[in-house]
Amino acid sequence: MARIPNEEIERLKKEIPIERLVTGFGVELKRQGKDLFGRCPFHDDKTPSLSVSPETGVIRDGMG
């Protein structure tokens, strides 16, 4: 399998806001303070467990 060069990954991270990437996968995000929260598409969530930090570009899943 071909590896994507690190330079290309870094370029994409700068050009595409992380929240746009997440919503592109169908996750509805709602702002709570400086972070955004939504239901993780990989778990059967009843409440939001996925947090997205636009400031740092980090996605966290509260399920572990």
N, C-alpha and C. Protein backbone atom coordinates (compact mmCIF):
# COMPACT_ATOMS: atom_id res chain seq x y z
N MET A 1 0.85 -1.17 0.00
CA MET A 1 0.00 0.00 0.00
C MET A 1 0.90 1.24 0.00
N ALA A 2 0.55 2.19 -0.82
CA ALA A 2 1.34 3.42 -0.94
C ALA A 2 1.16 4.29 0.30
N ARG A 3 2.24 4.89 0.72
CA ARG A 3 2.19 5.79 1.88
C ARG A 3 2.09 7.22 1.39
N ILE A 4 1.22 7.99 2.04
CA ILE A 4 1.07 9.41 1.71
C ILE A 4 2.23 10.16 2.35
N PRO A 5 2.95 10.95 1.57
CA PRO A 5 4.08 11.68 2.14
C PRO A 5 3.65 12.63 3.26
N ASN A 6 4.48 12.75 4.30
CA ASN A 6 4.17 13.62 5.44
C ASN A 6 3.91 15.05 5.02
N GLU A 7 4.61 15.51 3.99
CA GLU A 7 4.42 16.89 3.52
C GLU A 7 2.99 17.09 3.02
N GLU A 8 2.47 16.07 2.33
CA GLU A 8 1.09 16.15 1.81
C GLU A 8 0.08 16.14 2.96
N ILE A 9 0.31 15.33 3.96
CA ILE A 9 -0.58 15.28 5.13
C ILE A 9 -0.58 16.63 5.84
N GLU A 10 0.58 17.21 6.04
CA GLU A 10 0.68 18.51 6.72
C GLU A 10 0.00 19.61 5.90
N ARG A 11 0.13 19.56 4.58
CA ARG A 11 -0.52 20.54 3.72
C ARG A 11 -2.04 20.45 3.86
N LEU A 12 -2.56 19.23 3.85
CA LEU A 12 -4.01 19.04 3.98
C LEU A 12 -4.51 19.50 5.35
N LYS A 13 -3.74 19.22 6.40
CA LYS A 13 -4.13 19.64 7.74
C LYS A 13 -4.23 21.16 7.83
N LYS A 14 -3.38 21.87 7.09
CA LYS A 14 -3.42 23.34 7.09
C LYS A 14 -4.56 23.87 6.25
N GLU A 15 -4.91 23.18 5.18
CA GLU A 15 -5.92 23.67 4.24
C GLU A 15 -7.35 23.31 4.60
N ILE A 16 -7.55 22.19 5.29
CA ILE A 16 -8.91 21.72 5.58
C ILE A 16 -9.16 21.79 7.09
N PRO A 17 -10.08 22.65 7.51
CA PRO A 17 -10.40 22.71 8.94
C PRO A 17 -10.92 21.35 9.43
N ILE A 18 -10.47 20.94 10.60
CA ILE A 18 -10.82 19.63 11.14
C ILE A 18 -12.33 19.46 11.29
N GLU A 19 -13.04 20.53 11.66
CA GLU A 19 -14.49 20.42 11.81
C GLU A 19 -15.17 20.16 10.46
N ARG A 20 -14.61 20.70 9.39
CA ARG A 20 -15.17 20.44 8.05
C ARG A 20 -14.95 18.99 7.65
N LEU A 21 -13.82 18.45 8.00
CA LEU A 21 -13.54 17.04 7.71
C LEU A 21 -14.52 16.13 8.45
N VAL A 22 -14.75 16.41 9.72
CA VAL A 22 -15.65 15.58 10.53
C VAL A 22 -17.09 15.69 10.03
N THR A 23 -17.56 16.90 9.75
CA THR A 23 -18.94 17.05 9.26
C THR A 23 -19.08 16.43 7.87
N GLY A 24 -18.01 16.35 7.11
CA GLY A 24 -18.04 15.70 5.81
C GLY A 24 -18.34 14.21 5.90
N PHE A 25 -18.12 13.63 7.07
CA PHE A 25 -18.45 12.23 7.32
C PHE A 25 -19.84 12.08 7.92
N GLY A 26 -20.62 13.16 7.92
CA GLY A 26 -22.00 13.09 8.38
C GLY A 26 -22.21 13.31 9.86
N VAL A 27 -21.19 13.75 10.58
CA VAL A 27 -21.32 13.99 12.02
C VAL A 27 -21.79 15.43 12.23
N GLU A 28 -22.91 15.58 12.91
CA GLU A 28 -23.42 16.91 13.25
C GLU A 28 -22.73 17.40 14.51
N LEU A 29 -22.08 18.55 14.41
CA LEU A 29 -21.34 19.11 15.53
C LEU A 29 -22.05 20.32 16.10
N LYS A 30 -22.02 20.43 17.43
CA LYS A 30 -22.57 21.59 18.12
C LYS A 30 -21.52 22.17 19.03
N ARG A 31 -21.43 23.49 19.01
CA ARG A 31 -20.41 24.18 19.81
C ARG A 31 -20.80 24.20 21.28
N GLN A 32 -19.81 23.89 22.12
CA GLN A 32 -19.91 24.02 23.57
C GLN A 32 -18.60 24.64 24.02
N GLY A 33 -18.63 25.94 24.26
CA GLY A 33 -17.39 26.64 24.58
C GLY A 33 -16.52 26.73 23.34
N LYS A 34 -15.24 26.40 23.48
CA LYS A 34 -14.34 26.51 22.34
C LYS A 34 -14.29 25.23 21.50
N ASP A 35 -14.89 24.14 22.00
CA ASP A 35 -14.87 22.86 21.28
C ASP A 35 -16.24 22.56 20.67
N LEU A 36 -16.23 21.57 19.79
CA LEU A 36 -17.44 21.10 19.12
C LEU A 36 -17.68 19.65 19.53
N PHE A 37 -18.95 19.27 19.69
CA PHE A 37 -19.28 17.92 20.12
C PHE A 37 -20.31 17.30 19.19
N GLY A 38 -20.17 15.99 19.00
CA GLY A 38 -21.12 15.24 18.18
C GLY A 38 -21.09 13.78 18.57
N ARG A 39 -22.00 13.03 17.96
CA ARG A 39 -22.06 11.61 18.24
C ARG A 39 -21.05 10.87 17.36
N CYS A 40 -20.27 10.03 17.97
CA CYS A 40 -19.23 9.28 17.27
C CYS A 40 -19.87 8.32 16.27
N PRO A 41 -19.43 8.34 15.02
CA PRO A 41 -20.02 7.45 14.02
C PRO A 41 -19.62 5.98 14.20
N PHE A 42 -18.67 5.69 15.09
CA PHE A 42 -18.19 4.33 15.28
C PHE A 42 -18.81 3.64 16.49
N HIS A 43 -19.66 4.36 17.24
CA HIS A 43 -20.31 3.80 18.41
C HIS A 43 -21.81 4.10 18.34
N ASP A 44 -22.58 3.34 19.07
CA ASP A 44 -24.03 3.57 19.14
C ASP A 44 -24.30 4.59 20.24
N ASP A 45 -23.91 5.84 19.99
CA ASP A 45 -24.06 6.90 20.98
C ASP A 45 -25.49 7.39 21.08
N LYS A 46 -25.90 7.66 22.30
CA LYS A 46 -27.18 8.34 22.54
C LYS A 46 -26.93 9.82 22.81
N THR A 47 -25.74 10.10 23.32
CA THR A 47 -25.33 11.48 23.59
C THR A 47 -23.96 11.69 22.96
N PRO A 48 -23.60 12.93 22.68
CA PRO A 48 -22.31 13.20 22.05
C PRO A 48 -21.13 12.74 22.90
N SER A 49 -20.23 11.98 22.28
CA SER A 49 -19.01 11.55 22.97
C SER A 49 -17.77 11.95 22.18
N LEU A 50 -17.97 12.52 21.01
CA LEU A 50 -16.86 12.92 20.15
C LEU A 50 -16.64 14.42 20.30
N SER A 51 -15.43 14.82 20.62
CA SER A 51 -15.14 16.25 20.72
C SER A 51 -14.09 16.62 19.68
N VAL A 52 -14.27 17.80 19.11
CA VAL A 52 -13.37 18.31 18.09
C VAL A 52 -12.87 19.67 18.55
N SER A 53 -11.58 19.84 18.56
CA SER A 53 -10.98 21.11 18.94
C SER A 53 -10.45 21.81 17.69
N PRO A 54 -11.19 22.78 17.15
CA PRO A 54 -10.70 23.49 15.97
C PRO A 54 -9.39 24.22 16.24
N GLU A 55 -9.19 24.64 17.47
CA GLU A 55 -7.98 25.37 17.85
C GLU A 55 -6.72 24.53 17.70
N THR A 56 -6.81 23.26 18.11
CA THR A 56 -5.63 22.38 18.07
C THR A 56 -5.68 21.35 16.95
N GLY A 57 -6.86 21.18 16.34
CA GLY A 57 -6.99 20.18 15.29
C GLY A 57 -7.06 18.77 15.81
N VAL A 58 -7.50 18.60 17.05
CA VAL A 58 -7.54 17.29 17.69
C VAL A 58 -8.98 16.80 17.79
N ILE A 59 -9.15 15.49 17.55
CA ILE A 59 -10.44 14.82 17.72
C ILE A 59 -10.28 13.84 18.87
N ARG A 60 -11.22 13.87 19.80
CA ARG A 60 -11.19 12.93 20.94
C ARG A 60 -12.49 12.17 20.98
N ASP A 61 -12.39 10.90 21.30
CA ASP A 61 -13.56 10.04 21.47
C ASP A 61 -13.65 9.69 22.95
N GLY A 62 -14.72 10.08 23.58
CA GLY A 62 -14.90 9.85 25.01
C GLY A 62 -15.15 8.41 25.38
N MET A 63 -15.23 7.51 24.41
CA MET A 63 -15.51 6.11 24.70
C MET A 63 -14.27 5.35 25.13
N GLY A 64 -13.13 5.98 25.13
CA GLY A 64 -11.94 5.26 25.58
C GLY A 64 -10.89 5.39 24.59
